[in-house]
C-alpha atoms as a PDB file:
ATOM      1  CA  UNK A   1     -22.170  11.042   0.662  1.00  0.00           C
ATOM      2  CA  UNK A   2     -19.739  10.903  -2.230  1.00  0.00           C
ATOM      3  CA  UNK A   3     -16.417   9.130  -1.490  1.00  0.00           C
ATOM      4  CA  UNK A   4     -13.469  10.069  -3.636  1.00  0.00           C
ATOM      5  CA  UNK A   5     -10.736   7.496  -4.180  1.00  0.00           C
ATOM      6  CA  UNK A   6      -7.532   9.011  -5.429  1.00  0.00           C
ATOM      7  CA  UNK A   7      -4.993   6.872  -7.182  1.00  0.00           C
ATOM      8  CA  UNK A   8      -7.976   4.741  -8.160  1.00  0.00           C
ATOM      9  CA  UNK A   9      -6.194   2.644 -10.806  1.00  0.00           C
ATOM     10  CA  UNK A  10      -2.980   2.210  -8.723  1.00  0.00           C
ATOM     11  CA  UNK A  11      -2.626  -1.015  -6.713  1.00  0.00           C
ATOM     12  CA  UNK A  12      -4.193  -0.012  -3.394  1.00  0.00           C
ATOM     13  CA  UNK A  13      -6.540   2.594  -4.718  1.00  0.00           C
ATOM     14  CA  UNK A  14      -8.178   0.220  -7.115  1.00  0.00           C
ATOM     15  CA  UNK A  15      -8.634  -2.215  -4.211  1.00  0.00           C
ATOM     16  CA  UNK A  16     -10.206   0.477  -2.114  1.00  0.00           C
ATOM     17  CA  UNK A  17     -12.826   0.944  -4.860  1.00  0.00           C
ATOM     18  CA  UNK A  18     -13.672  -2.738  -4.709  1.00  0.00           C
ATOM     19  CA  UNK A  19     -13.725  -2.906  -0.954  1.00  0.00           C
ATOM     20  CA  UNK A  20     -16.120   0.045  -0.737  1.00  0.00           C
ATOM     21  CA  UNK A  21     -18.466  -1.676  -3.311  1.00  0.00           C
ATOM     22  CA  UNK A  22     -18.237  -4.915  -1.284  1.00  0.00           C
ATOM     23  CA  UNK A  23     -19.375  -2.990   1.755  1.00  0.00           C
ATOM     24  CA  UNK A  24     -22.373  -1.494  -0.030  1.00  0.00           C
ATOM     25  CA  UNK A  25     -21.080   1.935  -0.929  1.00  0.00           C
ATOM     26  CA  UNK A  26     -22.861   3.337  -3.930  1.00  0.00           C
ATOM     27  CA  UNK A  27     -21.670   6.937  -4.340  1.00  0.00           C
ATOM     28  CA  UNK A  28     -17.951   6.402  -5.283  1.00  0.00           C
ATOM     29  CA  UNK A  29     -15.840   8.681  -7.501  1.00  0.00           C
ATOM     30  CA  UNK A  30     -12.570   7.357  -8.709  1.00  0.00           C
ATOM     31  CA  UNK A  31      -9.734   9.748  -9.715  1.00  0.00           C
ATOM     32  CA  UNK A  32      -7.607   8.332 -12.489  1.00  0.00           C
ATOM     33  CA  UNK A  33      -5.340   9.884 -15.144  1.00  0.00           C
ATOM     34  CA  UNK A  34      -6.742   7.671 -17.880  1.00  0.00           C
ATOM     35  CA  UNK A  35     -10.502   7.139 -17.580  1.00  0.00           C
ATOM     36  CA  UNK A  36     -10.829   5.163 -20.781  1.00  0.00           C
ATOM     37  CA  UNK A  37      -8.461   2.532 -19.580  1.00  0.00           C
ATOM     38  CA  UNK A  38      -9.590   2.472 -15.906  1.00  0.00           C
ATOM     39  CA  UNK A  39     -12.062  -0.436 -16.344  1.00  0.00           C
ATOM     40  CA  UNK A  40     -13.730   0.523 -13.153  1.00  0.00           C
ATOM     41  CA  UNK A  41     -16.993  -1.262 -12.081  1.00  0.00           C
ATOM     42  CA  UNK A  42     -20.289  -0.048 -13.295  1.00  0.00           C
ATOM     43  CA  UNK A  43     -21.757   2.741 -11.209  1.00  0.00           C
ATOM     44  CA  UNK A  44     -18.480   4.173 -10.150  1.00  0.00           C
ATOM     45  CA  UNK A  45     -18.085   7.877 -11.219  1.00  0.00           C
ATOM     46  CA  UNK A  46     -14.803   8.375 -13.045  1.00  0.00           C
ATOM     47  CA  UNK A  47     -13.000  11.714 -12.730  1.00  0.00           C
ATOM     48  CA  UNK A  48      -9.897  12.542 -14.789  1.00  0.00           C
ATOM     49  CA  UNK A  49      -6.910  13.851 -12.817  1.00  0.00           C
ATOM     50  CA  UNK A  50      -3.798  13.173 -11.033  1.00  0.00           C
ATOM     51  CA  UNK A  51      -2.575  14.216  -7.521  1.00  0.00           C
ATOM     52  CA  UNK A  52       0.710  15.344  -9.137  1.00  0.00           C
ATOM     53  CA  UNK A  53      -1.173  18.122 -10.943  1.00  0.00           C
ATOM     54  CA  UNK A  54      -3.518  19.635  -8.327  1.00  0.00           C
ATOM     55  CA  UNK A  55      -4.527  22.561 -10.535  1.00  0.00           C
ATOM     56  CA  UNK A  56      -6.872  20.311 -12.415  1.00  0.00           C
ATOM     57  CA  UNK A  57      -8.598  18.683  -9.473  1.00  0.00           C
ATOM     58  CA  UNK A  58     -11.303  21.155  -8.473  1.00  0.00           C
ATOM     59  CA  UNK A  59     -14.096  19.352 -10.403  1.00  0.00           C
ATOM     60  CA  UNK A  60     -13.125  15.949  -8.895  1.00  0.00           C
ATOM     61  CA  UNK A  61     -13.649  17.359  -5.412  1.00  0.00           C
ATOM     62  CA  UNK A  62     -17.129  18.812  -5.996  1.00  0.00           C
ATOM     63  CA  UNK A  63     -19.683  17.225  -3.687  1.00  0.00           C
ATOM     64  CA  UNK A  64     -17.209  14.933  -2.032  1.00  0.00           C
ATOM     65  CA  UNK A  65     -17.602  14.301   1.667  1.00  0.00           C
ATOM     66  CA  UNK A  66     -14.796  11.799   2.323  1.00  0.00           C
ATOM     67  CA  UNK A  67     -11.708  10.759   0.471  1.00  0.00           C
ATOM     68  CA  UNK A  68      -9.024   8.114   0.354  1.00  0.00           C
ATOM     69  CA  UNK A  69      -5.714   9.921  -0.205  1.00  0.00           C
ATOM     70  CA  UNK A  70      -2.887   8.043  -1.871  1.00  0.00           C
ATOM     71  CA  UNK A  71       0.545   9.332  -0.897  1.00  0.00           C
ATOM     72  CA  UNK A  72       1.703  12.278  -2.928  1.00  0.00           C
ATOM     73  CA  UNK A  73       4.168  14.113  -0.724  1.00  0.00           C
ATOM     74  CA  UNK A  74       5.257  16.678  -3.253  1.00  0.00           C
ATOM     75  CA  UNK A  75       1.742  18.105  -3.756  1.00  0.00           C
ATOM     76  CA  UNK A  76      -0.150  17.005  -0.665  1.00  0.00           C
ATOM     77  CA  UNK A  77      -0.570  20.493   0.857  1.00  0.00           C
ATOM     78  CA  UNK A  78      -2.202  22.011  -2.319  1.00  0.00           C
ATOM     79  CA  UNK A  79      -4.349  18.897  -2.743  1.00  0.00           C
ATOM     80  CA  UNK A  80      -5.645  19.258   0.796  1.00  0.00           C
ATOM     81  CA  UNK A  81      -6.406  22.929   0.242  1.00  0.00           C
ATOM     82  CA  UNK A  82      -8.489  22.182  -2.729  1.00  0.00           C
ATOM     83  CA  UNK A  83     -10.292  19.414  -0.889  1.00  0.00           C
ATOM     84  CA  UNK A  84     -11.156  21.638   2.137  1.00  0.00           C
ATOM     85  CA  UNK A  85     -12.348  24.487  -0.156  1.00  0.00           C
ATOM     86  CA  UNK A  86     -14.655  22.061  -1.915  1.00  0.00           C
ATOM     87  CA  UNK A  87     -16.187  20.909   1.479  1.00  0.00           C
ATOM     88  CA  UNK A  88     -14.406  17.558   1.973  1.00  0.00           C
ATOM     89  CA  UNK A  89     -14.658  16.672   5.699  1.00  0.00           C
ATOM     90  CA  UNK A  90     -12.723  13.480   6.238  1.00  0.00           C
ATOM     91  CA  UNK A  91      -9.465  12.203   4.811  1.00  0.00           C
ATOM     92  CA  UNK A  92      -8.232   8.671   5.111  1.00  0.00           C
ATOM     93  CA  UNK A  93      -4.540   8.821   4.102  1.00  0.00           C
ATOM     94  CA  UNK A  94      -1.972   6.138   3.303  1.00  0.00           C
ATOM     95  CA  UNK A  95       1.154   7.471   4.912  1.00  0.00           C
ATOM     96  CA  UNK A  96       3.530   6.659   7.718  1.00  0.00           C
ATOM     97  CA  UNK A  97       4.761   7.837  11.139  1.00  0.00           C
ATOM     98  CA  UNK A  98       5.802  11.457  11.195  1.00  0.00           C
ATOM     99  CA  UNK A  99       9.516  10.655  11.060  1.00  0.00           C
ATOM    100  CA  UNK A 100       9.122   8.133   8.200  1.00  0.00           C
ATOM    101  CA  UNK A 101       9.477   8.535   4.445  1.00  0.00           C
ATOM    102  CA  UNK A 102       5.691   9.324   4.068  1.00  0.00           C
ATOM    103  CA  UNK A 103       5.573  11.327   7.280  1.00  0.00           C
ATOM    104  CA  UNK A 104       5.148  14.606   5.366  1.00  0.00           C
ATOM    105  CA  UNK A 105       1.757  13.248   4.189  1.00  0.00           C
ATOM    106  CA  UNK A 106       0.301  12.639   7.614  1.00  0.00           C
ATOM    107  CA  UNK A 107       1.686  15.941   8.946  1.00  0.00           C
ATOM    108  CA  UNK A 108       0.070  17.822   6.091  1.00  0.00           C
ATOM    109  CA  UNK A 109      -3.199  16.088   6.631  1.00  0.00           C
ATOM    110  CA  UNK A 110      -3.223  16.912  10.343  1.00  0.00           C
ATOM    111  CA  UNK A 111      -2.380  20.547   9.451  1.00  0.00           C
ATOM    112  CA  UNK A 112      -5.170  20.851   6.951  1.00  0.00           C
ATOM    113  CA  UNK A 113      -8.016  21.303   9.447  1.00  0.00           C
ATOM    114  CA  UNK A 114      -9.856  18.309   8.023  1.00  0.00           C
ATOM    115  CA  UNK A 115     -10.860  15.285  10.047  1.00  0.00           C
ATOM    116  CA  UNK A 116      -8.333  12.532   9.429  1.00  0.00           C
ATOM    117  CA  UNK A 117      -7.574   8.912   9.748  1.00  0.00           C
ATOM    118  CA  UNK A 118      -3.993   7.716   9.107  1.00  0.00           C
ATOM    119  CA  UNK A 119      -3.050   4.279   7.757  1.00  0.00           C
ATOM    120  CA  UNK A 120       0.485   3.314   8.624  1.00  0.00           C
ATOM    121  CA  UNK A 121       1.183  -0.069   7.038  1.00  0.00           C
ATOM    122  CA  UNK A 122       4.109  -2.461   7.412  1.00  0.00           C
ATOM    123  CA  UNK A 123       5.995  -3.566   4.417  1.00  0.00           C
ATOM    124  CA  UNK A 124       3.787  -4.886   1.589  1.00  0.00           C
ATOM    125  CA  UNK A 125       3.663  -8.613   0.746  1.00  0.00           C
ATOM    126  CA  UNK A 126       3.695  -7.452  -2.923  1.00  0.00           C
ATOM    127  CA  UNK A 127       7.232  -6.092  -2.426  1.00  0.00           C
ATOM    128  CA  UNK A 128       8.468  -9.651  -2.672  1.00  0.00           C
ATOM    129  CA  UNK A 129       7.581  -9.436  -6.399  1.00  0.00           C
ATOM    130  CA  UNK A 130      10.833  -7.610  -6.812  1.00  0.00           C
ATOM    131  CA  UNK A 131      12.513 -11.065  -6.457  1.00  0.00           C
ATOM    132  CA  UNK A 132      10.597 -12.494  -9.363  1.00  0.00           C
ATOM    133  CA  UNK A 133      13.219 -12.222 -12.068  1.00  0.00           C
ATOM    134  CA  UNK A 134      16.089 -13.546  -9.948  1.00  0.00           C
ATOM    135  CA  UNK A 135      13.926 -16.422  -8.859  1.00  0.00           C
ATOM    136  CA  UNK A 136      13.230 -17.297 -12.546  1.00  0.00           C
ATOM    137  CA  UNK A 137      16.822 -16.784 -13.664  1.00  0.00           C
ATOM    138  CA  UNK A 138      18.770 -18.148 -10.711  1.00  0.00           C
ATOM    139  CA  UNK A 139      16.432 -19.996  -8.439  1.00  0.00           C
ATOM    140  CA  UNK A 140      17.649 -17.888  -5.579  1.00  0.00           C
ATOM    141  CA  UNK A 141      16.930 -14.627  -3.698  1.00  0.00           C
ATOM    142  CA  UNK A 142      20.006 -12.464  -2.999  1.00  0.00           C
ATOM    143  CA  UNK A 143      19.794 -10.264   0.110  1.00  0.00           C
ATOM    144  CA  UNK A 144      22.143  -9.301   2.989  1.00  0.00           C
ATOM    145  CA  UNK A 145      20.202 -10.334   6.035  1.00  0.00           C
ATOM    146  CA  UNK A 146      18.118 -13.597   5.953  1.00  0.00           C
ATOM    147  CA  UNK A 147      17.077 -13.216   9.581  1.00  0.00           C
ATOM    148  CA  UNK A 148      15.596  -9.683   9.282  1.00  0.00           C
ATOM    149  CA  UNK A 149      11.924  -9.986  10.323  1.00  0.00           C
ATOM    150  CA  UNK A 150       8.764  -8.053   9.808  1.00  0.00           C
ATOM    151  CA  UNK A 151       4.993  -8.635   9.605  1.00  0.00           C
ATOM    152  CA  UNK A 152       4.260  -7.968   5.919  1.00  0.00           C
ATOM    153  CA  UNK A 153       0.690  -7.017   4.976  1.00  0.00           C
ATOM    154  CA  UNK A 154      -1.293  -7.653   1.813  1.00  0.00           C
ATOM    155  CA  UNK A 155      -2.342  -4.468  -0.088  1.00  0.00           C
ATOM    156  CA  UNK A 156      -5.933  -5.727  -0.182  1.00  0.00           C
ATOM    157  CA  UNK A 157      -6.022  -5.793   3.586  1.00  0.00           C
ATOM    158  CA  UNK A 158      -4.854  -2.155   3.687  1.00  0.00           C
ATOM    159  CA  UNK A 159      -7.682  -1.352   1.284  1.00  0.00           C
ATOM    160  CA  UNK A 160     -10.111  -3.182   3.450  1.00  0.00           C
ATOM    161  CA  UNK A 161      -9.150  -1.033   6.472  1.00  0.00           C
ATOM    162  CA  UNK A 162      -9.347   2.129   4.339  1.00  0.00           C
ATOM    163  CA  UNK A 163     -12.904   1.224   3.206  1.00  0.00           C
ATOM    164  CA  UNK A 164     -13.853   0.513   6.840  1.00  0.00           C
ATOM    165  CA  UNK A 165     -12.534   3.908   7.981  1.00  0.00           C
ATOM    166  CA  UNK A 166     -14.305   5.706   5.284  1.00  0.00           C
ATOM    167  CA  UNK A 167     -17.684   4.121   5.932  1.00  0.00           C
ATOM    168  CA  UNK A 168     -17.824   3.493   9.707  1.00  0.00           C
ATOM    169  CA  UNK A 169     -17.681   5.703  12.730  1.00  0.00           C
ATOM    170  CA  UNK A 170     -14.935   5.572  15.312  1.00  0.00           C
ATOM    171  CA  UNK A 171     -11.876   6.201  13.169  1.00  0.00           C
ATOM    172  CA  UNK A 172     -11.605  10.011  13.253  1.00  0.00           C
ATOM    173  CA  UNK A 173      -8.333  11.267  14.720  1.00  0.00           C
ATOM    174  CA  UNK A 174      -6.815   7.779  14.820  1.00  0.00           C
ATOM    175  CA  UNK A 175      -3.584   6.487  13.333  1.00  0.00           C
ATOM    176  CA  UNK A 176      -3.895   2.790  12.515  1.00  0.00           C
ATOM    177  CA  UNK A 177      -0.642   0.946  12.551  1.00  0.00           C
ATOM    178  CA  UNK A 178      -1.182  -2.066  10.305  1.00  0.00           C
ATOM    179  CA  UNK A 179       0.634  -5.325   9.965  1.00  0.00           C
ATOM    180  CA  UNK A 180       0.167  -8.746   8.568  1.00  0.00           C
ATOM    181  CA  UNK A 181      -0.792 -11.635  10.932  1.00  0.00           C
ATOM    182  CA  UNK A 182       2.659 -13.201  11.177  1.00  0.00           C
ATOM    183  CA  UNK A 183       6.191 -12.089  11.978  1.00  0.00           C
ATOM    184  CA  UNK A 184       8.378 -13.676   9.259  1.00  0.00           C
ATOM    185  CA  UNK A 185      12.114 -13.461   8.370  1.00  0.00           C
ATOM    186  CA  UNK A 186      13.244 -12.861   4.865  1.00  0.00           C
ATOM    187  CA  UNK A 187      14.302 -16.531   4.743  1.00  0.00           C
ATOM    188  CA  UNK A 188      10.749 -17.558   5.887  1.00  0.00           C
ATOM    189  CA  UNK A 189       9.376 -15.582   2.971  1.00  0.00           C
ATOM    190  CA  UNK A 190      11.534 -17.292   0.510  1.00  0.00           C
ATOM    191  CA  UNK A 191      10.578 -20.694   2.040  1.00  0.00           C
ATOM    192  CA  UNK A 192       6.853 -19.869   1.594  1.00  0.00           C
ATOM    193  CA  UNK A 193       7.433 -18.805  -1.974  1.00  0.00           C
ATOM    194  CA  UNK A 194       9.321 -22.038  -2.740  1.00  0.00           C
ATOM    195  CA  UNK A 195       6.232 -23.958  -1.460  1.00  0.00           C
ATOM    196  CA  UNK A 196       3.819 -21.835  -3.489  1.00  0.00           C
ATOM    197  CA  UNK A 197       5.836 -22.076  -6.679  1.00  0.00           C
ATOM    198  CA  UNK A 198       6.617 -25.763  -6.138  1.00  0.00           C
ATOM    199  CA  UNK A 199      10.298 -25.320  -6.798  1.00  0.00           C
ATOM    200  CA  UNK A 200      13.491 -24.926  -4.841  1.00  0.00           C
ATOM    201  CA  UNK A 201      14.502 -21.336  -4.078  1.00  0.00           C
ATOM    202  CA  UNK A 202      17.692 -20.663  -2.126  1.00  0.00           C
ATOM    203  CA  UNK A 203      18.335 -17.608   0.077  1.00  0.00           C
ATOM    204  CA  UNK A 204      21.875 -16.455  -0.728  1.00  0.00           C
ATOM    205  CA  UNK A 205      23.338 -13.975   1.754  1.00  0.00           C
ATOM    206  CA  UNK A 206      24.798 -11.343  -0.481  1.00  0.00           C
ATOM    207  CA  UNK A 207      26.793  -8.138  -0.443  1.00  0.00           C
ATOM    208  CA  UNK A 208      25.396  -4.699  -1.145  1.00  0.00           C
ATOM    209  CA  UNK A 209      26.627  -4.881  -4.795  1.00  0.00           C
ATOM    210  CA  UNK A 210      25.435  -8.398  -5.355  1.00  0.00           C
ATOM    211  CA  UNK A 211      22.000  -7.396  -4.005  1.00  0.00           C
ATOM    212  CA  UNK A 212      21.703  -4.398  -6.209  1.00  0.00           C
ATOM    213  CA  UNK A 213      22.701  -6.443  -9.259  1.00  0.00           C
ATOM    214  CA  UNK A 214      20.086  -9.084  -8.514  1.00  0.00           C
ATOM    215  CA  UNK A 215      17.275  -6.515  -7.900  1.00  0.00           C
ATOM    216  CA  UNK A 216      18.020  -4.019 -10.640  1.00  0.00           C
ATOM    217  CA  UNK A 217      16.125  -5.847 -13.423  1.00  0.00           C
ATOM    218  CA  UNK A 218      12.866  -5.438 -11.496  1.00  0.00           C
ATOM    219  CA  UNK A 219      13.535  -2.267  -9.630  1.00  0.00           C
ATOM    220  CA  UNK A 220      15.479  -0.187 -12.091  1.00  0.00           C
ATOM    221  CA  UNK A 221      16.796   3.210 -10.940  1.00  0.00           C
ATOM    222  CA  UNK A 222      15.447   2.862  -7.396  1.00  0.00           C
ATOM    223  CA  UNK A 223      17.459  -0.227  -6.630  1.00  0.00           C
ATOM    224  CA  UNK A 224      20.431   1.342  -4.868  1.00  0.00           C
ATOM    225  CA  UNK A 225      18.214   3.595  -2.764  1.00  0.00           C
ATOM    226  CA  UNK A 226      16.044   0.614  -1.723  1.00  0.00           C
ATOM    227  CA  UNK A 227      18.971  -1.543  -0.778  1.00  0.00           C
ATOM    228  CA  UNK A 228      20.684   1.270   1.239  1.00  0.00           C
ATOM    229  CA  UNK A 229      17.556   2.594   2.983  1.00  0.00           C
ATOM    230  CA  UNK A 230      15.449  -0.550   3.362  1.00  0.00           C
ATOM    231  CA  UNK A 231      17.451  -3.771   3.226  1.00  0.00           C
ATOM    232  CA  UNK A 232      20.665  -2.517   4.849  1.00  0.00           C
ATOM    233  CA  UNK A 233      18.818  -0.256   7.318  1.00  0.00           C
ATOM    234  CA  UNK A 234      15.959  -2.583   8.188  1.00  0.00           C
ATOM    235  CA  UNK A 235      15.000  -1.928  11.833  1.00  0.00           C
ATOM    236  CA  UNK A 236      14.148  -4.917  13.942  1.00  0.00           C
ATOM    237  CA  UNK A 237      10.470  -5.267  14.722  1.00  0.00           C
ATOM    238  CA  UNK A 238       9.250  -3.996  18.050  1.00  0.00           C
ATOM    239  CA  UNK A 239       8.442  -6.443  20.736  1.00  0.00           C
ATOM    240  CA  UNK A 240       4.757  -6.046  19.976  1.00  0.00           C
ATOM    241  CA  UNK A 241       3.670  -5.665  16.410  1.00  0.00           C
ATOM    242  CA  UNK A 242      -0.045  -4.962  15.539  1.00  0.00           C
ATOM    243  CA  UNK A 243      -0.505  -8.435  13.952  1.00  0.00           C
ATOM    244  CA  UNK A 244      -4.223  -8.423  14.843  1.00  0.00           C
ATOM    245  CA  UNK A 245      -4.861  -4.929  13.497  1.00  0.00           C
ATOM    246  CA  UNK A 246      -6.679  -5.833  10.247  1.00  0.00           C
ATOM    247  CA  UNK A 247      -9.048  -8.221  11.928  1.00  0.00           C
ATOM    248  CA  UNK A 248      -9.622  -5.807  14.884  1.00  0.00           C
ATOM    249  CA  UNK A 249     -10.636  -3.049  12.475  1.00  0.00           C
ATOM    250  CA  UNK A 250     -12.418  -4.953   9.731  1.00  0.00           C
ATOM    251  CA  UNK A 251     -13.748  -8.014  11.614  1.00  0.00           C
ATOM    252  CA  UNK A 252     -12.091 -10.285   9.075  1.00  0.00           C
ATOM    253  CA  UNK A 253      -8.734 -12.189   9.458  1.00  0.00           C
ATOM    254  CA  UNK A 254      -5.781 -10.709   7.641  1.00  0.00           C
ATOM    255  CA  UNK A 255      -4.241 -12.552   4.744  1.00  0.00           C
ATOM    256  CA  UNK A 256      -1.338 -14.869   5.605  1.00  0.00           C
ATOM    257  CA  UNK A 257       1.799 -14.715   3.437  1.00  0.00           C
ATOM    258  CA  UNK A 258       1.395 -18.315   2.494  1.00  0.00           C
ATOM    259  CA  UNK A 259      -2.158 -17.769   1.264  1.00  0.00           C
ATOM    260  CA  UNK A 260      -0.907 -14.623  -0.648  1.00  0.00           C
ATOM    261  CA  UNK A 261       1.958 -16.531  -2.166  1.00  0.00           C
ATOM    262  CA  UNK A 262      -0.195 -19.315  -3.497  1.00  0.00           C
ATOM    263  CA  UNK A 263      -2.701 -16.831  -4.874  1.00  0.00           C
ATOM    264  CA  UNK A 264       0.036 -14.932  -6.655  1.00  0.00           C
ATOM    265  CA  UNK A 265       2.439 -17.645  -7.648  1.00  0.00           C
ATOM    266  CA  UNK A 266       1.924 -17.004 -11.447  1.00  0.00           C
ATOM    267  CA  UNK A 267       3.096 -13.480 -11.046  1.00  0.00           C
ATOM    268  CA  UNK A 268       6.542 -14.721 -10.025  1.00  0.00           C
ATOM    269  CA  UNK A 269       6.811 -17.175 -13.041  1.00  0.00           C
ATOM    270  CA  UNK A 270       5.573 -14.781 -15.716  1.00  0.00           C
ATOM    271  CA  UNK A 271       8.196 -12.837 -17.729  1.00  0.00           C
END
């Protein structure tokens, strides 16, 4: 049973490869645009290709039974057609609810005729790395709403769920809403980072323009869109968040933000 991991040198895809190996999988194929720089573990088959260019993917799908599908909304229908033609049976996709930004991915997967498992994660803990430069430069985080709350999830926990769904029964036709183990405000996140970095970090409630200015060095051209569509339109969490979802599915506790912050402190301090 060959498992294809797409986006295998991107953040989550690379972690899916490691999580599959940790669970004893031995027939793994990794799709990457640059095999020579992939530095994938020994024994992992490396296939050259990119979801953004489906025409060159036929060979990557040969002999594949299951696949992890990184989000690629612009080409997802064509990618799935190639996968089905090659005999792929089960797709575990990283996407979102049908009405969300990545909803087109899960809709296309359901319409493909393949067995499916959706992964619908909350905001990533890694997204706080967009604060890194302003923390270094100003000792502060500039955002509009300190009390906005969510249950952020570590990317490696998403990868662990993906590997579990690829290897174990009981996940076909299921949409797994995933969240981290704690509901935290934006100010809470800053406080945890201050502890992990062992320095004072202030949360400064900021205007839209001030927030864009503070985030632009790390987010570039996507900054205004992110501020308008995420930070200024951040929906409050529902009364019941799936804070036990990772442990329920994998059998292992999810990563707390405090633990993640301490493990990644150096990433906030490096230029």
